N, C-alpha and C. Protein backbone atom coordinates (compact mmCIF):
# COMPACT_ATOMS: atom_id res chain seq x y z
N MET A 1 0.84 -1.17 0.00
CA MET A 1 0.00 0.00 0.00
C MET A 1 0.89 1.24 0.00
N ALA A 2 0.52 2.26 -0.75
CA ALA A 2 1.31 3.48 -0.85
C ALA A 2 1.27 4.27 0.45
N GLU A 3 2.39 4.90 0.74
CA GLU A 3 2.47 5.72 1.95
C GLU A 3 1.72 7.03 1.72
N ALA A 4 1.08 7.54 2.77
CA ALA A 4 0.32 8.78 2.67
C ALA A 4 1.25 9.95 2.41
N SER A 5 0.79 10.91 1.63
CA SER A 5 1.58 12.10 1.34
C SER A 5 1.63 12.99 2.58
N PRO A 6 2.60 13.91 2.63
CA PRO A 6 2.66 14.84 3.77
C PRO A 6 1.36 15.61 3.95
N THR A 7 0.75 16.01 2.86
CA THR A 7 -0.51 16.75 2.95
C THR A 7 -1.61 15.87 3.54
N ASP A 8 -1.66 14.60 3.13
CA ASP A 8 -2.66 13.69 3.68
C ASP A 8 -2.44 13.48 5.18
N ARG A 9 -1.17 13.36 5.59
CA ARG A 9 -0.87 13.18 7.01
C ARG A 9 -1.25 14.43 7.80
N ILE A 10 -1.01 15.61 7.23
CA ILE A 10 -1.39 16.85 7.90
C ILE A 10 -2.91 16.94 8.02
N ASP A 11 -3.61 16.61 6.93
CA ASP A 11 -5.09 16.62 6.98
C ASP A 11 -5.61 15.66 8.04
N ALA A 12 -5.01 14.48 8.12
CA ALA A 12 -5.44 13.50 9.13
C ALA A 12 -5.17 14.02 10.54
N ALA A 13 -4.01 14.66 10.71
CA ALA A 13 -3.68 15.24 12.02
C ALA A 13 -4.68 16.33 12.38
N LEU A 14 -5.02 17.16 11.43
CA LEU A 14 -6.01 18.21 11.69
C LEU A 14 -7.36 17.60 12.09
N ALA A 15 -7.74 16.54 11.42
CA ALA A 15 -9.01 15.88 11.77
C ALA A 15 -8.96 15.33 13.20
N ARG A 16 -7.82 14.74 13.58
CA ARG A 16 -7.69 14.24 14.95
C ARG A 16 -7.74 15.39 15.94
N ILE A 17 -7.08 16.49 15.61
CA ILE A 17 -7.08 17.65 16.50
C ILE A 17 -8.50 18.20 16.64
N GLU A 18 -9.21 18.28 15.53
CA GLU A 18 -10.59 18.79 15.57
C GLU A 18 -11.47 17.91 16.46
N ARG A 19 -11.30 16.60 16.36
CA ARG A 19 -12.08 15.70 17.21
C ARG A 19 -11.72 15.89 18.68
N ALA A 20 -10.44 16.06 18.96
CA ALA A 20 -10.00 16.27 20.35
C ALA A 20 -10.55 17.58 20.89
N VAL A 21 -10.55 18.61 20.06
CA VAL A 21 -11.06 19.91 20.49
C VAL A 21 -12.54 19.81 20.85
N GLN A 22 -13.30 19.07 20.05
CA GLN A 22 -14.73 18.94 20.29
C GLN A 22 -15.03 18.23 21.61
N SER A 23 -14.12 17.36 22.05
CA SER A 23 -14.38 16.59 23.26
C SER A 23 -13.89 17.29 24.53
N ARG A 24 -13.20 18.37 24.37
CA ARG A 24 -12.68 19.07 25.55
C ARG A 24 -13.76 19.88 26.24
N ASP A 25 -13.52 20.12 27.50
CA ASP A 25 -14.49 20.84 28.32
C ASP A 25 -14.01 22.26 28.57
N ARG A 26 -13.75 22.99 27.48
CA ARG A 26 -13.32 24.39 27.59
C ARG A 26 -14.33 25.25 26.86
N SER A 27 -14.20 26.54 27.04
CA SER A 27 -15.16 27.45 26.41
C SER A 27 -15.04 27.38 24.89
N ALA A 28 -16.19 27.52 24.21
CA ALA A 28 -16.22 27.44 22.76
C ALA A 28 -15.40 28.56 22.12
N ALA A 29 -15.44 29.74 22.67
CA ALA A 29 -14.70 30.86 22.09
C ALA A 29 -13.20 30.61 22.17
N ASP A 30 -12.73 30.12 23.30
CA ASP A 30 -11.30 29.84 23.46
C ASP A 30 -10.85 28.76 22.49
N LEU A 31 -11.63 27.70 22.37
CA LEU A 31 -11.28 26.62 21.46
C LEU A 31 -11.28 27.09 20.00
N ARG A 32 -12.27 27.90 19.64
CA ARG A 32 -12.32 28.40 18.26
C ARG A 32 -11.09 29.23 17.94
N GLN A 33 -10.67 30.07 18.87
CA GLN A 33 -9.50 30.92 18.65
C GLN A 33 -8.24 30.05 18.48
N ARG A 34 -8.07 29.06 19.32
CA ARG A 34 -6.91 28.18 19.22
C ARG A 34 -6.94 27.37 17.93
N HIS A 35 -8.10 26.87 17.57
CA HIS A 35 -8.24 26.09 16.34
C HIS A 35 -7.91 26.94 15.11
N ASP A 36 -8.44 28.14 15.06
CA ASP A 36 -8.18 29.03 13.93
C ASP A 36 -6.69 29.36 13.83
N ALA A 37 -6.04 29.60 14.96
CA ALA A 37 -4.61 29.89 14.96
C ALA A 37 -3.82 28.68 14.44
N LEU A 38 -4.19 27.49 14.88
CA LEU A 38 -3.52 26.28 14.42
C LEU A 38 -3.72 26.07 12.93
N ARG A 39 -4.97 26.25 12.48
CA ARG A 39 -5.25 26.08 11.05
C ARG A 39 -4.41 27.06 10.22
N GLU A 40 -4.28 28.29 10.69
CA GLU A 40 -3.47 29.28 9.97
C GLU A 40 -2.01 28.85 9.92
N ARG A 41 -1.49 28.38 11.05
CA ARG A 41 -0.09 27.96 11.09
C ARG A 41 0.16 26.76 10.20
N VAL A 42 -0.76 25.81 10.17
CA VAL A 42 -0.61 24.65 9.30
C VAL A 42 -0.67 25.09 7.84
N GLY A 43 -1.56 26.01 7.52
CA GLY A 43 -1.62 26.54 6.16
C GLY A 43 -0.31 27.18 5.75
N GLU A 44 0.28 27.93 6.67
CA GLU A 44 1.58 28.55 6.39
C GLU A 44 2.66 27.48 6.19
N ALA A 45 2.62 26.43 7.00
CA ALA A 45 3.60 25.35 6.87
C ALA A 45 3.46 24.64 5.53
N ILE A 46 2.22 24.40 5.12
CA ILE A 46 1.99 23.75 3.82
C ILE A 46 2.48 24.65 2.69
N ALA A 47 2.23 25.94 2.79
CA ALA A 47 2.70 26.87 1.76
C ALA A 47 4.23 26.86 1.70
N ALA A 48 4.88 26.80 2.86
CA ALA A 48 6.34 26.76 2.89
C ALA A 48 6.86 25.46 2.26
N LEU A 49 6.19 24.34 2.56
CA LEU A 49 6.59 23.06 1.94
C LEU A 49 6.38 23.10 0.43
N ASP A 50 5.27 23.69 -0.01
CA ASP A 50 5.03 23.82 -1.46
C ASP A 50 6.12 24.66 -2.12
N ALA A 51 6.52 25.75 -1.45
CA ALA A 51 7.56 26.61 -2.00
C ALA A 51 8.89 25.86 -2.10
N LEU A 52 9.20 25.08 -1.07
CA LEU A 52 10.43 24.29 -1.11
C LEU A 52 10.38 23.27 -2.23
N GLY A 53 9.24 22.64 -2.38
CA GLY A 53 9.08 21.67 -3.45
C GLY A 53 9.24 22.30 -4.82
N ALA A 54 8.68 23.48 -4.99
CA ALA A 54 8.78 24.17 -6.28
C ALA A 54 10.23 24.61 -6.54
N LYS A 55 10.89 25.01 -5.48
CA LYS A 55 12.28 25.48 -5.61
C LYS A 55 13.22 24.32 -5.93
N ASN A 56 12.98 23.17 -5.31
CA ASN A 56 13.87 22.03 -5.46
C ASN A 56 13.40 21.02 -6.50
N GLY A 57 12.21 21.22 -6.98
CA GLY A 57 11.66 20.20 -7.88
C GLY A 57 11.67 20.66 -9.27
């Protein structure tokens, strides 16, 4: 079976994080802020990986 791509692994990790966030007993506003910040950082990381791939590929 083929190994998952980095993007697939990141998407899977985000899905696991989202499920964990939903099960926590913290305020919805706090969780939304943290989730949005994480999603932004992951998006930036993916863009950086894409740029490296374009530069080296």
